[in-house]
C-alpha atoms as a PDB file:
ATOM      1  CA  MET A   1      89.528 130.968 124.940  1.00  0.00           C
ATOM      2  CA  GLN A   2      89.685 127.413 122.684  1.00  0.00           C
ATOM      3  CA  ILE A   3      93.079 127.013 121.127  1.00  0.00           C
ATOM      4  CA  LYS A   4      92.707 125.073 117.932  1.00  0.00           C
ATOM      5  CA  ASN A   5      95.839 122.685 116.579  1.00  0.00           C
ATOM      6  CA  SER A   6      96.929 123.578 113.439  1.00  0.00           C
ATOM      7  CA  THR A   7      99.125 121.542 112.845  1.00  0.00           C
ATOM      8  CA  LYS A   8      99.618 120.203 109.031  1.00  0.00           C
ATOM      9  CA  LEU A   9     101.331 116.980 107.914  1.00  0.00           C
ATOM     10  CA  LEU A  10     103.693 118.083 105.321  1.00  0.00           C
ATOM     11  CA  LEU A  11     104.531 116.350 102.244  1.00  0.00           C
ATOM     12  CA  LYS A  12     108.274 115.290 102.511  1.00  0.00           C
ATOM     13  CA  TYR A  13     108.255 114.282  98.601  1.00  0.00           C
ATOM     14  CA  ASP A  14     108.138 116.605  95.901  1.00  0.00           C
ATOM     15  CA  VAL A  15     107.779 114.236  93.310  1.00  0.00           C
ATOM     16  CA  TYR A  16     104.346 113.472  94.447  1.00  0.00           C
ATOM     17  CA  ALA A  17     103.059 117.174  94.844  1.00  0.00           C
ATOM     18  CA  ARG A  18     101.514 117.358  91.866  1.00  0.00           C
ATOM     19  CA  LEU A  19      99.558 114.155  92.157  1.00  0.00           C
ATOM     20  CA  LEU A  20      98.562 115.591  95.637  1.00  0.00           C
ATOM     21  CA  LYS A  21      97.515 118.625  94.493  1.00  0.00           C
ATOM     22  CA  ASP A  22      95.334 117.106  91.342  1.00  0.00           C
ATOM     23  CA  TYR A  23      93.505 115.042  93.312  1.00  0.00           C
ATOM     24  CA  LEU A  24      92.158 117.252  95.840  1.00  0.00           C
ATOM     25  CA  SER A  25      91.536 119.527  93.270  1.00  0.00           C
ATOM     26  CA  LEU A  26      89.175 117.409  91.706  1.00  0.00           C
ATOM     27  CA  ASP A  27      85.828 118.482  90.909  1.00  0.00           C
ATOM     28  CA  GLU A  28      83.785 116.227  92.654  1.00  0.00           C
ATOM     29  CA  PHE A  29      85.319 117.668  96.264  1.00  0.00           C
ATOM     30  CA  ASN A  30      84.262 121.131  95.230  1.00  0.00           C
ATOM     31  CA  ASN A  31      81.140 120.836  97.823  1.00  0.00           C
ATOM     32  CA  LEU A  32      82.865 118.846 100.378  1.00  0.00           C
ATOM     33  CA  SER A  33      83.569 120.667 103.871  1.00  0.00           C
ATOM     34  CA  PRO A  34      87.254 122.070 104.527  1.00  0.00           C
ATOM     35  CA  LEU A  35      87.440 118.942 107.429  1.00  0.00           C
ATOM     36  CA  THR A  36      86.735 116.460 104.816  1.00  0.00           C
ATOM     37  CA  ILE A  37      89.331 117.790 102.413  1.00  0.00           C
ATOM     38  CA  SER A  38      91.747 117.765 105.719  1.00  0.00           C
ATOM     39  CA  SER A  39      91.138 114.298 106.203  1.00  0.00           C
ATOM     40  CA  ARG A  40      91.158 113.312 102.343  1.00  0.00           C
ATOM     41  CA  ARG A  41      95.070 115.524 102.417  1.00  0.00           C
ATOM     42  CA  LEU A  42      95.956 113.686 105.890  1.00  0.00           C
ATOM     43  CA  THR A  43      95.434 110.431 104.601  1.00  0.00           C
ATOM     44  CA  ILE A  44      96.533 110.445 101.053  1.00  0.00           C
ATOM     45  CA  VAL A  45     100.301 112.753 102.504  1.00  0.00           C
ATOM     46  CA  SER A  46     100.713 109.780 105.463  1.00  0.00           C
ATOM     47  CA  PHE A  47     100.278 107.158 102.477  1.00  0.00           C
ATOM     48  CA  MET A  48     102.773 109.359  99.845  1.00  0.00           C
ATOM     49  CA  ASN A  49     105.385 109.970 102.990  1.00  0.00           C
ATOM     50  CA  TYR A  50     104.734 106.249 103.577  1.00  0.00           C
ATOM     51  CA  LEU A  51     105.720 105.453 100.217  1.00  0.00           C
ATOM     52  CA  GLY A  52     108.759 107.872  99.989  1.00  0.00           C
ATOM     53  CA  ASP A  53     110.157 106.522 103.167  1.00  0.00           C
ATOM     54  CA  ASN A  54     110.215 103.298 101.711  1.00  0.00           C
ATOM     55  CA  GLY A  55     112.011 103.784  98.616  1.00  0.00           C
ATOM     56  CA  VAL A  56     109.006 104.167  96.334  1.00  0.00           C
ATOM     57  CA  ALA A  57     109.894 107.141  94.400  1.00  0.00           C
ATOM     58  CA  SER A  58     106.861 107.357  92.195  1.00  0.00           C
ATOM     59  CA  ILE A  59     103.058 106.490  92.295  1.00  0.00           C
ATOM     60  CA  TYR A  60     103.907 103.853  89.311  1.00  0.00           C
ATOM     61  CA  ASN A  61     105.930 102.004  91.307  1.00  0.00           C
ATOM     62  CA  CYS A  62     103.389 101.685  94.351  1.00  0.00           C
ATOM     63  CA  ASN A  63     102.101  98.207  94.480  1.00  0.00           C
ATOM     64  CA  GLN A  64      99.588  96.405  95.931  1.00  0.00           C
ATOM     65  CA  LYS A  65     102.138  95.410  98.702  1.00  0.00           C
ATOM     66  CA  ASN A  66     102.933  98.785  99.525  1.00  0.00           C
ATOM     67  CA  VAL A  67      99.518  99.481 100.447  1.00  0.00           C
ATOM     68  CA  THR A  68      99.175  96.550 102.711  1.00  0.00           C
ATOM     69  CA  ASN A  69     102.476  97.495 104.157  1.00  0.00           C
ATOM     70  CA  TYR A  70     101.213 101.208 104.599  1.00  0.00           C
ATOM     71  CA  LEU A  71      97.774  99.294 106.143  1.00  0.00           C
ATOM     72  CA  ILE A  72      99.918  97.010 108.360  1.00  0.00           C
ATOM     73  CA  SER A  73     101.948 100.150 109.771  1.00  0.00           C
ATOM     74  CA  ILE A  74      98.684 102.142 111.116  1.00  0.00           C
ATOM     75  CA  CYS A  75      97.099  99.038 112.645  1.00  0.00           C
ATOM     76  CA  ASN A  76      97.492 100.938 115.837  1.00  0.00           C
ATOM     77  CA  LEU A  77      95.338 103.575 115.093  1.00  0.00           C
ATOM     78  CA  ALA A  78      91.681 103.785 116.152  1.00  0.00           C
ATOM     79  CA  SER A  79      89.585 100.829 113.967  1.00  0.00           C
ATOM     80  CA  SER A  80      87.135 103.918 112.654  1.00  0.00           C
ATOM     81  CA  THR A  81      90.287 105.849 111.714  1.00  0.00           C
ATOM     82  CA  ILE A  82      91.684 102.468 109.975  1.00  0.00           C
ATOM     83  CA  SER A  83      88.309 102.314 108.257  1.00  0.00           C
ATOM     84  CA  GLY A  84      87.839 105.821 107.177  1.00  0.00           C
ATOM     85  CA  ARG A  85      91.761 105.753 105.704  1.00  0.00           C
ATOM     86  CA  THR A  86      90.933 102.297 103.636  1.00  0.00           C
ATOM     87  CA  PHE A  87      87.733 104.297 102.247  1.00  0.00           C
ATOM     88  CA  ILE A  88      90.245 107.828 101.109  1.00  0.00           C
ATOM     89  CA  LEU A  89      92.726 105.350  99.593  1.00  0.00           C
ATOM     90  CA  ARG A  90      90.252 102.999  97.658  1.00  0.00           C
ATOM     91  CA  HIS A  91      89.098 105.838  95.861  1.00  0.00           C
ATOM     92  CA  PHE A  92      92.546 107.879  95.777  1.00  0.00           C
ATOM     93  CA  PHE A  93      93.483 104.036  93.755  1.00  0.00           C
ATOM     94  CA  ASN A  94      90.487 104.374  91.449  1.00  0.00           C
ATOM     95  CA  TYR A  95      91.276 108.261  90.602  1.00  0.00           C
ATOM     96  CA  LEU A  96      94.884 106.948  89.835  1.00  0.00           C
ATOM     97  CA  TYR A  97      93.626 103.705  88.042  1.00  0.00           C
ATOM     98  CA  ASN A  98      91.238 106.012  86.120  1.00  0.00           C
ATOM     99  CA  ALA A  99      93.932 108.344  85.428  1.00  0.00           C
ATOM    100  CA  SER A 100      96.603 105.676  84.375  1.00  0.00           C
ATOM    101  CA  TYR A 101      98.778 105.692  87.106  1.00  0.00           C
ATOM    102  CA  ILE A 102      98.682 102.517  87.895  1.00  0.00           C
ATOM    103  CA  MET A 103      97.207  99.075  86.742  1.00  0.00           C
ATOM    104  CA  TYR A 104      94.948  98.217  89.794  1.00  0.00           C
ATOM    105  CA  SER A 105      91.611 100.450  90.545  1.00  0.00           C
ATOM    106  CA  GLY A 106      90.864 100.670  94.253  1.00  0.00           C
ATOM    107  CA  ASN A 107      87.934  98.577  94.029  1.00  0.00           C
ATOM    108  CA  GLU A 108      90.145  96.033  92.902  1.00  0.00           C
ATOM    109  CA  PHE A 109      92.731  96.519  95.441  1.00  0.00           C
ATOM    110  CA  TYR A 110      89.995  96.988  98.550  1.00  0.00           C
ATOM    111  CA  HIS A 111      88.456  92.985  97.603  1.00  0.00           C
ATOM    112  CA  PHE A 112      92.180  92.109  97.912  1.00  0.00           C
ATOM    113  CA  ILE A 113      92.066  93.868 101.881  1.00  0.00           C
ATOM    114  CA  HIS A 114      89.032  91.850 102.374  1.00  0.00           C
ATOM    115  CA  LEU A 115      90.281  88.741 101.427  1.00  0.00           C
ATOM    116  CA  MET A 116      93.414  89.359 103.304  1.00  0.00           C
ATOM    117  CA  LYS A 117      91.139  90.059 106.978  1.00  0.00           C
ATOM    118  CA  LEU A 118      89.013  86.968 106.213  1.00  0.00           C
ATOM    119  CA  ASP A 119      92.343  85.250 105.940  1.00  0.00           C
ATOM    120  CA  GLY A 120      94.325  86.980 108.862  1.00  0.00           C
END
């Protein structure tokens, strides 16, 4: 018998709970596989926990440096994992921008990250 690992990353900061729920409830996610939704949830919860751990009390206070520092903090992960998380974060930030939570889109941020990689 094979035992599945059912460990789930828990959101440590209630201030982000509603935003996480709203994001994961988007209609465009209705036809995605449970594994894809789980991957999105893991990435967003990891990011939200990082923000909370670093004193960012609201998504309204999140800036590009917070996101860049988060990506630096996960640099020990496989490059495919980092690419996947970057893709998910870009989508998440497009959602935040369109919902007027933040002042820059995920596409603008992705461009910034790409330029940073070229310089670094």
